[in-house]
Amino acid sequence: MKRPESVLVAIHTPALDFLLLHRRPPTAFWQSVTGSLEAGETPREAALREVYEETALVVRDADLVDWQLSNRYHIPPAWAVRYAPGVTHNTEHVFSLCVPEACTIRRQPDEHDAADWFPLAAALAHSWSWTNRDIFHLLARHGGPAPSS
């Protein structure tokens, strides 16, 4: 059973081009790096692990910005079977990572069938999740990475 606690990592350039990964069908939507916490794992550890697993980018701990924000949302019925009976909501911890420029990543082909970099407006239009759009807006208001994490 999945733990109802996850991370979202918005990976972007200083120019605010955002990396989005396209989930394989049947879901088939664009999203940032995401993933559930494993047993005994902190949100920060999960964020670092998920970035590596989903992109093969090696990230220094100091480069990952913890926004100290959590989103709580209803688990869509299609995914409810992955959780223990009675679990209806997930808590998602929000991080960002600024990379010097758009780069080639190695995606997980069993999870994602495409990856691309999008400028802010296109990233907002492509994003399936309101939590993705929220962090993109927050990064745009700050002009990039948050103040120290």
N, C-alpha and C. Protein backbone atom coordinates (compact mmCIF):
# COMPACT_ATOMS: atom_id res chain seq x y z
N MET A 1 0.83 -1.19 0.00
CA MET A 1 0.00 0.00 0.00
C MET A 1 0.88 1.25 0.00
N LYS A 2 0.44 2.23 -0.78
CA LYS A 2 1.16 3.49 -0.83
C LYS A 2 0.90 4.32 0.43
N ARG A 3 1.89 5.05 0.81
CA ARG A 3 1.77 5.99 1.92
C ARG A 3 1.08 7.25 1.38
N PRO A 4 0.08 7.80 2.06
CA PRO A 4 -0.63 8.96 1.55
C PRO A 4 0.10 10.27 1.85
N GLU A 5 1.37 10.27 1.55
CA GLU A 5 2.22 11.44 1.72
C GLU A 5 3.22 11.42 0.58
N SER A 6 3.35 12.55 -0.10
CA SER A 6 4.18 12.58 -1.31
C SER A 6 4.93 13.91 -1.43
N VAL A 7 5.73 13.98 -2.49
CA VAL A 7 6.46 15.21 -2.80
C VAL A 7 6.15 15.64 -4.23
N LEU A 8 6.27 16.92 -4.45
CA LEU A 8 6.20 17.53 -5.77
C LEU A 8 7.47 18.36 -5.90
N VAL A 9 8.23 18.16 -6.98
CA VAL A 9 9.45 18.93 -7.21
C VAL A 9 9.32 19.61 -8.57
N ALA A 10 9.19 20.93 -8.54
CA ALA A 10 9.16 21.72 -9.78
C ALA A 10 10.60 22.01 -10.18
N ILE A 11 11.02 21.45 -11.30
CA ILE A 11 12.37 21.68 -11.81
C ILE A 11 12.27 22.74 -12.89
N HIS A 12 13.10 23.78 -12.77
CA HIS A 12 13.00 24.92 -13.68
C HIS A 12 14.37 25.55 -13.92
N THR A 13 14.44 26.38 -14.95
CA THR A 13 15.64 27.15 -15.26
C THR A 13 15.47 28.55 -14.66
N PRO A 14 16.55 29.36 -14.64
CA PRO A 14 16.41 30.74 -14.18
C PRO A 14 15.41 31.55 -15.02
N ALA A 15 15.25 31.18 -16.29
CA ALA A 15 14.30 31.85 -17.18
C ALA A 15 12.86 31.35 -16.98
N LEU A 16 12.68 30.45 -16.02
CA LEU A 16 11.38 29.85 -15.70
C LEU A 16 10.81 29.00 -16.83
N ASP A 17 11.69 28.19 -17.40
CA ASP A 17 11.24 27.08 -18.25
C ASP A 17 11.14 25.89 -17.31
N PHE A 18 10.03 25.16 -17.39
CA PHE A 18 9.74 24.09 -16.45
C PHE A 18 9.81 22.73 -17.12
N LEU A 19 10.41 21.78 -16.41
CA LEU A 19 10.44 20.40 -16.88
C LEU A 19 9.13 19.74 -16.51
N LEU A 20 8.46 19.17 -17.52
CA LEU A 20 7.26 18.38 -17.28
C LEU A 20 7.46 16.99 -17.86
N LEU A 21 6.93 16.01 -17.16
CA LEU A 21 6.99 14.62 -17.57
C LEU A 21 5.57 14.19 -17.94
N HIS A 22 5.46 13.45 -19.01
CA HIS A 22 4.15 12.97 -19.45
C HIS A 22 3.93 11.55 -18.97
N ARG A 23 2.90 11.37 -18.14
CA ARG A 23 2.57 10.04 -17.61
C ARG A 23 2.09 9.14 -18.74
N ARG A 24 2.47 7.90 -18.66
CA ARG A 24 2.02 6.91 -19.66
C ARG A 24 0.51 6.72 -19.55
N PRO A 25 -0.13 6.40 -20.67
CA PRO A 25 -1.56 6.06 -20.62
C PRO A 25 -1.76 4.88 -19.67
N PRO A 26 -2.88 4.77 -19.01
CA PRO A 26 -4.13 5.42 -19.35
C PRO A 26 -4.31 6.82 -18.77
N THR A 27 -3.45 7.25 -17.82
CA THR A 27 -3.64 8.58 -17.24
C THR A 27 -3.25 9.69 -18.20
N ALA A 28 -2.10 9.58 -18.84
CA ALA A 28 -1.67 10.47 -19.92
C ALA A 28 -1.83 11.96 -19.60
N PHE A 29 -1.10 12.44 -18.61
CA PHE A 29 -1.10 13.87 -18.31
C PHE A 29 0.32 14.33 -18.01
N TRP A 30 0.54 15.65 -18.07
CA TRP A 30 1.84 16.25 -17.80
C TRP A 30 1.92 16.64 -16.33
N GLN A 31 3.10 16.45 -15.75
CA GLN A 31 3.31 16.79 -14.35
C GLN A 31 4.79 17.03 -14.08
N SER A 32 5.05 17.64 -12.93
CA SER A 32 6.42 17.76 -12.44
C SER A 32 6.83 16.43 -11.84
N VAL A 33 8.03 16.36 -11.32
CA VAL A 33 8.49 15.17 -10.61
C VAL A 33 7.63 15.03 -9.35
N THR A 34 7.10 13.83 -9.14
CA THR A 34 6.30 13.55 -7.96
C THR A 34 6.60 12.14 -7.47
N GLY A 35 6.21 11.87 -6.25
CA GLY A 35 6.35 10.51 -5.75
C GLY A 35 6.00 10.40 -4.29
N SER A 36 5.60 9.21 -3.91
CA SER A 36 5.24 8.94 -2.52
C SER A 36 6.46 8.72 -1.65
N LEU A 37 6.33 9.09 -0.39
CA LEU A 37 7.38 8.83 0.58
C LEU A 37 7.41 7.34 0.88
N GLU A 38 8.60 6.82 1.04
CA GLU A 38 8.77 5.43 1.46
C GLU A 38 8.84 5.38 2.99
N ALA A 39 8.71 4.21 3.55
CA ALA A 39 8.74 4.04 5.01
C ALA A 39 10.01 4.64 5.59
N GLY A 40 9.87 5.46 6.61
CA GLY A 40 11.01 6.05 7.30
C GLY A 40 11.68 7.20 6.56
N GLU A 41 11.16 7.59 5.42
CA GLU A 41 11.79 8.62 4.59
C GLU A 41 11.20 9.99 4.91
N THR A 42 12.05 11.02 4.95
CA THR A 42 11.57 12.39 5.12
C THR A 42 11.14 12.94 3.76
N PRO A 43 10.34 13.99 3.75
CA PRO A 43 9.99 14.60 2.46
C PRO A 43 11.22 15.03 1.66
N ARG A 44 12.21 15.60 2.28
CA ARG A 44 13.42 16.03 1.57
C ARG A 44 14.15 14.84 0.94
N GLU A 45 14.28 13.76 1.70
CA GLU A 45 14.92 12.55 1.16
C GLU A 45 14.13 12.01 -0.03
N ALA A 46 12.80 12.02 0.09
CA ALA A 46 11.96 11.54 -1.01
C ALA A 46 12.12 12.43 -2.24
N ALA A 47 12.19 13.74 -2.04
CA ALA A 47 12.35 14.67 -3.17
C ALA A 47 13.66 14.41 -3.90
N LEU A 48 14.74 14.25 -3.17
CA LEU A 48 16.04 13.97 -3.78
C LEU A 48 16.01 12.63 -4.53
N ARG A 49 15.41 11.61 -3.92
CA ARG A 49 15.32 10.30 -4.54
C ARG A 49 14.47 10.36 -5.80
N GLU A 50 13.31 11.00 -5.73
CA GLU A 50 12.42 11.06 -6.89
C GLU A 50 13.04 11.83 -8.05
N VAL A 51 13.75 12.92 -7.77
CA VAL A 51 14.41 13.66 -8.85
C VAL A 51 15.39 12.74 -9.56
N TYR A 52 16.17 12.00 -8.80
CA TYR A 52 17.12 11.10 -9.44
C TYR A 52 16.41 9.97 -10.19
N GLU A 53 15.43 9.34 -9.55
CA GLU A 53 14.74 8.22 -10.20
C GLU A 53 14.03 8.64 -11.48
N GLU A 54 13.41 9.82 -11.49
CA GLU A 54 12.59 10.21 -12.64
C GLU A 54 13.35 11.00 -13.71
N THR A 55 14.56 11.49 -13.37
CA THR A 55 15.29 12.31 -14.35
C THR A 55 16.76 11.92 -14.51
N ALA A 56 17.32 11.21 -13.54
CA ALA A 56 18.74 10.88 -13.46
C ALA A 56 19.60 12.10 -13.16
N LEU A 57 18.98 13.22 -12.78
CA LEU A 57 19.76 14.39 -12.36
C LEU A 57 20.28 14.16 -10.95
N VAL A 58 21.57 14.38 -10.77
CA VAL A 58 22.17 14.26 -9.46
C VAL A 58 22.12 15.64 -8.83
N VAL A 59 21.43 15.75 -7.72
CA VAL A 59 21.15 17.03 -7.09
C VAL A 59 21.85 17.13 -5.76
N ARG A 60 22.49 18.25 -5.55
CA ARG A 60 23.06 18.51 -4.22
C ARG A 60 21.92 18.90 -3.29
N ASP A 61 21.97 18.41 -2.09
CA ASP A 61 20.93 18.71 -1.10
C ASP A 61 20.69 20.22 -1.00
N ALA A 62 21.76 21.00 -1.03
CA ALA A 62 21.65 22.45 -0.87
C ALA A 62 20.91 23.12 -2.03
N ASP A 63 20.82 22.45 -3.19
CA ASP A 63 20.15 23.05 -4.35
C ASP A 63 18.64 22.85 -4.34
N LEU A 64 18.17 21.96 -3.51
CA LEU A 64 16.74 21.68 -3.43
C LEU A 64 16.09 22.67 -2.47
N VAL A 65 15.08 23.39 -2.94
CA VAL A 65 14.40 24.40 -2.12
C VAL A 65 13.13 23.79 -1.55
N ASP A 66 13.05 23.79 -0.23
CA ASP A 66 11.85 23.33 0.47
C ASP A 66 10.99 24.56 0.74
N TRP A 67 9.83 24.63 0.10
CA TRP A 67 8.95 25.79 0.23
C TRP A 67 8.17 25.80 1.54
N GLN A 68 8.33 24.74 2.34
CA GLN A 68 7.59 24.64 3.61
C GLN A 68 6.09 24.76 3.37
N LEU A 69 5.66 24.21 2.24
CA LEU A 69 4.23 24.19 1.88
C LEU A 69 3.79 22.76 1.71
N SER A 70 2.57 22.50 2.13
CA SER A 70 1.98 21.18 1.90
C SER A 70 0.60 21.37 1.31
N ASN A 71 0.30 20.58 0.31
CA ASN A 71 -1.03 20.55 -0.30
C ASN A 71 -1.72 19.29 0.16
N ARG A 72 -2.99 19.41 0.51
CA ARG A 72 -3.78 18.24 0.87
C ARG A 72 -4.88 18.13 -0.17
N TYR A 73 -4.97 16.97 -0.79
CA TYR A 73 -5.99 16.81 -1.82
C TYR A 73 -6.63 15.43 -1.76
N HIS A 74 -7.82 15.36 -2.30
CA HIS A 74 -8.57 14.11 -2.37
C HIS A 74 -7.90 13.19 -3.39
N ILE A 75 -7.71 11.94 -3.02
CA ILE A 75 -7.11 10.96 -3.93
C ILE A 75 -8.15 10.58 -4.97
N PRO A 76 -7.84 10.75 -6.26
CA PRO A 76 -8.81 10.37 -7.31
C PRO A 76 -9.20 8.90 -7.18
N PRO A 77 -10.46 8.58 -7.43
CA PRO A 77 -10.94 7.20 -7.30
C PRO A 77 -10.09 6.18 -8.06
N ALA A 78 -9.58 6.54 -9.21
CA ALA A 78 -8.78 5.60 -10.01
C ALA A 78 -7.52 5.16 -9.27
N TRP A 79 -7.02 5.98 -8.35
CA TRP A 79 -5.79 5.64 -7.61
C TRP A 79 -6.05 5.17 -6.19
N ALA A 80 -7.29 5.21 -5.75
CA ALA A 80 -7.62 4.85 -4.37
C ALA A 80 -7.21 3.43 -4.02
N VAL A 81 -7.22 2.53 -5.00
CA VAL A 81 -6.87 1.12 -4.73
C VAL A 81 -5.41 0.95 -4.32
N ARG A 82 -4.59 1.94 -4.56
CA ARG A 82 -3.17 1.86 -4.18
C ARG A 82 -2.95 2.12 -2.69
N TYR A 83 -3.99 2.63 -2.02
CA TYR A 83 -3.89 3.03 -0.62
C TYR A 83 -4.70 2.09 0.26
N ALA A 84 -4.43 2.14 1.55
CA ALA A 84 -5.18 1.33 2.51
C ALA A 84 -6.66 1.72 2.47
N PRO A 85 -7.52 0.78 2.77
CA PRO A 85 -8.95 1.09 2.80
C PRO A 85 -9.23 2.28 3.72
N GLY A 86 -10.10 3.17 3.27
CA GLY A 86 -10.48 4.33 4.08
C GLY A 86 -9.59 5.55 3.89
N VAL A 87 -8.44 5.40 3.23
CA VAL A 87 -7.57 6.55 2.99
C VAL A 87 -8.15 7.33 1.81
N THR A 88 -8.45 8.60 2.04
CA THR A 88 -9.11 9.42 1.00
C THR A 88 -8.30 10.63 0.57
N HIS A 89 -7.29 11.03 1.36
CA HIS A 89 -6.54 12.25 1.05
C HIS A 89 -5.03 11.99 1.09
N ASN A 90 -4.31 12.77 0.33
CA ASN A 90 -2.86 12.73 0.28
C ASN A 90 -2.31 14.10 0.69
N THR A 91 -1.19 14.10 1.38
CA THR A 91 -0.49 15.34 1.71
C THR A 91 0.78 15.39 0.87
N GLU A 92 0.93 16.47 0.12
CA GLU A 92 2.03 16.63 -0.82
C GLU A 92 2.93 17.79 -0.36
N HIS A 93 4.23 17.51 -0.21
CA HIS A 93 5.22 18.51 0.21
C HIS A 93 5.86 19.12 -1.03
N VAL A 94 6.01 20.44 -1.04
CA VAL A 94 6.40 21.16 -2.26
C VAL A 94 7.86 21.61 -2.21
N PHE A 95 8.59 21.25 -3.27
CA PHE A 95 10.00 21.60 -3.44
C PHE A 95 10.20 22.17 -4.83
N SER A 96 11.32 22.86 -5.02
CA SER A 96 11.72 23.28 -6.36
C SER A 96 13.22 23.10 -6.51
N LEU A 97 13.63 23.05 -7.76
CA LEU A 97 15.04 22.87 -8.10
C LEU A 97 15.32 23.72 -9.33
N CYS A 98 16.23 24.65 -9.21
CA CYS A 98 16.63 25.48 -10.34
C CYS A 98 17.90 24.88 -10.94
N VAL A 99 17.84 24.58 -12.24
CA VAL A 99 19.01 24.08 -12.97
C VAL A 99 19.49 25.19 -13.90
N PRO A 100 20.77 25.22 -14.24
CA PRO A 100 21.30 26.34 -15.04
C PRO A 100 20.62 26.53 -16.39
N GLU A 101 20.21 25.42 -17.02
CA GLU A 101 19.57 25.51 -18.34
C GLU A 101 18.79 24.22 -18.59
N ALA A 102 17.89 24.30 -19.55
CA ALA A 102 17.14 23.10 -19.94
C ALA A 102 18.15 22.04 -20.37
N CYS A 103 17.95 20.84 -19.92
CA CYS A 103 18.91 19.77 -20.20
C CYS A 103 18.16 18.49 -20.54
N THR A 104 18.88 17.58 -21.12
CA THR A 104 18.31 16.27 -21.41
C THR A 104 18.26 15.48 -20.12
N ILE A 105 17.15 14.81 -19.91
CA ILE A 105 17.02 13.96 -18.72
C ILE A 105 16.79 12.52 -19.18
N ARG A 106 17.01 11.61 -18.27
CA ARG A 106 16.69 10.21 -18.54
C ARG A 106 15.41 9.90 -17.76
N ARG A 107 14.32 9.73 -18.49
CA ARG A 107 13.04 9.47 -17.84
C ARG A 107 12.87 7.97 -17.57
N GLN A 108 11.96 7.64 -16.69
CA GLN A 108 11.61 6.25 -16.43
C GLN A 108 10.57 5.83 -17.46
N PRO A 109 10.94 5.01 -18.44
CA PRO A 109 10.00 4.68 -19.51
C PRO A 109 8.75 3.92 -19.06
N ASP A 110 8.82 3.24 -17.93
CA ASP A 110 7.63 2.53 -17.45
C ASP A 110 6.62 3.48 -16.81
N GLU A 111 7.08 4.71 -16.48
CA GLU A 111 6.22 5.68 -15.81
C GLU A 111 5.87 6.86 -16.73
N HIS A 112 6.84 7.30 -17.54
CA HIS A 112 6.65 8.48 -18.39
C HIS A 112 7.05 8.16 -19.82
N ASP A 113 6.24 8.65 -20.77
CA ASP A 113 6.55 8.39 -22.18
C ASP A 113 7.14 9.60 -22.89
N ALA A 114 7.23 10.73 -22.19
CA ALA A 114 7.84 11.93 -22.78
C ALA A 114 8.25 12.88 -21.66
N ALA A 115 9.17 13.77 -22.01
CA ALA A 115 9.61 14.83 -21.10
C ALA A 115 9.95 16.02 -21.96
N ASP A 116 9.63 17.22 -21.47
CA ASP A 116 9.93 18.42 -22.23
C ASP A 116 10.00 19.62 -21.29
N TRP A 117 10.65 20.66 -21.78
CA TRP A 117 10.76 21.92 -21.05
C TRP A 117 9.77 22.91 -21.65
N PHE A 118 9.02 23.60 -20.80
CA PHE A 118 7.99 24.53 -21.25
C PHE A 118 8.18 25.88 -20.57
N PRO A 119 8.02 26.99 -21.33
CA PRO A 119 7.98 28.30 -20.68
C PRO A 119 6.74 28.37 -19.78
N LEU A 120 6.72 29.33 -18.89
CA LEU A 120 5.69 29.41 -17.86
C LEU A 120 4.27 29.23 -18.40
N ALA A 121 3.88 30.02 -19.39
CA ALA A 121 2.49 29.96 -19.89
C ALA A 121 2.15 28.56 -20.41
N ALA A 122 3.06 27.95 -21.14
CA ALA A 122 2.82 26.61 -21.67
C ALA A 122 2.82 25.57 -20.54
N ALA A 123 3.69 25.74 -19.56
CA ALA A 123 3.71 24.82 -18.42
C ALA A 123 2.39 24.88 -17.66
N LEU A 124 1.88 26.08 -17.48
CA LEU A 124 0.58 26.23 -16.81
C LEU A 124 -0.53 25.57 -17.61
N ALA A 125 -0.50 25.75 -18.93
CA ALA A 125 -1.53 25.18 -19.80
C ALA A 125 -1.45 23.65 -19.86
N HIS A 126 -0.24 23.10 -19.80
CA HIS A 126 -0.07 21.64 -19.91
C HIS A 126 -0.32 20.90 -18.59
N SER A 127 -0.12 21.57 -17.47
CA SER A 127 -0.17 20.89 -16.17
C SER A 127 -1.56 20.41 -15.82
N TRP A 128 -1.63 19.14 -15.49
CA TRP A 128 -2.89 18.52 -15.08
C TRP A 128 -3.28 18.96 -13.67
N SER A 129 -2.31 19.11 -12.80
CA SER A 129 -2.54 19.30 -11.38
C SER A 129 -2.54 20.77 -10.96
N TRP A 130 -3.52 21.13 -10.14
CA TRP A 130 -3.55 22.48 -9.60
C TRP A 130 -2.35 22.73 -8.71
N THR A 131 -1.78 21.68 -8.08
CA THR A 131 -0.63 21.88 -7.22
C THR A 131 0.60 22.25 -8.05
N ASN A 132 0.72 21.69 -9.26
CA ASN A 132 1.78 22.09 -10.18
C ASN A 132 1.62 23.56 -10.55
N ARG A 133 0.43 23.94 -10.94
CA ARG A 133 0.19 25.33 -11.35
C ARG A 133 0.48 26.30 -10.21
N ASP A 134 0.12 25.91 -8.99
CA ASP A 134 0.38 26.79 -7.83
C ASP A 134 1.88 27.06 -7.64
N ILE A 135 2.72 26.02 -7.72
CA ILE A 135 4.15 26.25 -7.52
C ILE A 135 4.74 27.03 -8.69
N PHE A 136 4.23 26.83 -9.90
CA PHE A 136 4.71 27.61 -11.04
C PHE A 136 4.40 29.09 -10.83
N HIS A 137 3.18 29.38 -10.38
CA HIS A 137 2.80 30.78 -10.09
C HIS A 137 3.67 31.36 -8.97
N LEU A 138 3.91 30.58 -7.94
CA LEU A 138 4.73 31.04 -6.82
C LEU A 138 6.16 31.34 -7.28
N LEU A 139 6.73 30.46 -8.08
CA LEU A 139 8.07 30.70 -8.61
C LEU A 139 8.10 31.95 -9.50
N ALA A 140 7.07 32.15 -10.29
CA ALA A 140 7.01 33.33 -11.17
C ALA A 140 6.93 34.61 -10.33
N ARG A 141 6.15 34.59 -9.24
CA ARG A 141 6.05 35.78 -8.38
C ARG A 141 7.38 36.09 -7.71
N HIS A 142 8.14 35.05 -7.39
CA HIS A 142 9.45 35.24 -6.73
C HIS A 142 10.55 35.48 -7.73
N GLY A 143 10.27 35.30 -9.02
CA GLY A 143 11.30 35.46 -10.03
C GLY A 143 12.30 34.32 -10.02
N GLY A 144 11.94 33.21 -9.49
CA GLY A 144 12.83 32.05 -9.45
C GLY A 144 12.80 31.39 -8.09
N PRO A 145 13.93 30.88 -7.64
CA PRO A 145 13.97 30.15 -6.37
C PRO A 145 13.52 31.03 -5.20
N ALA A 146 12.98 30.38 -4.20
CA ALA A 146 12.57 31.08 -2.99
C ALA A 146 13.78 31.57 -2.23
N PRO A 147 13.55 32.48 -1.30
CA PRO A 147 14.65 32.83 -0.40
C PRO A 147 15.15 31.57 0.29
N SER A 148 16.21 31.66 1.04
CA SER A 148 16.86 30.48 1.62
C SER A 148 15.85 29.50 2.20
N SER A 149 16.20 28.21 2.05
CA SER A 149 15.29 27.16 2.54
C SER A 149 15.71 26.68 3.90
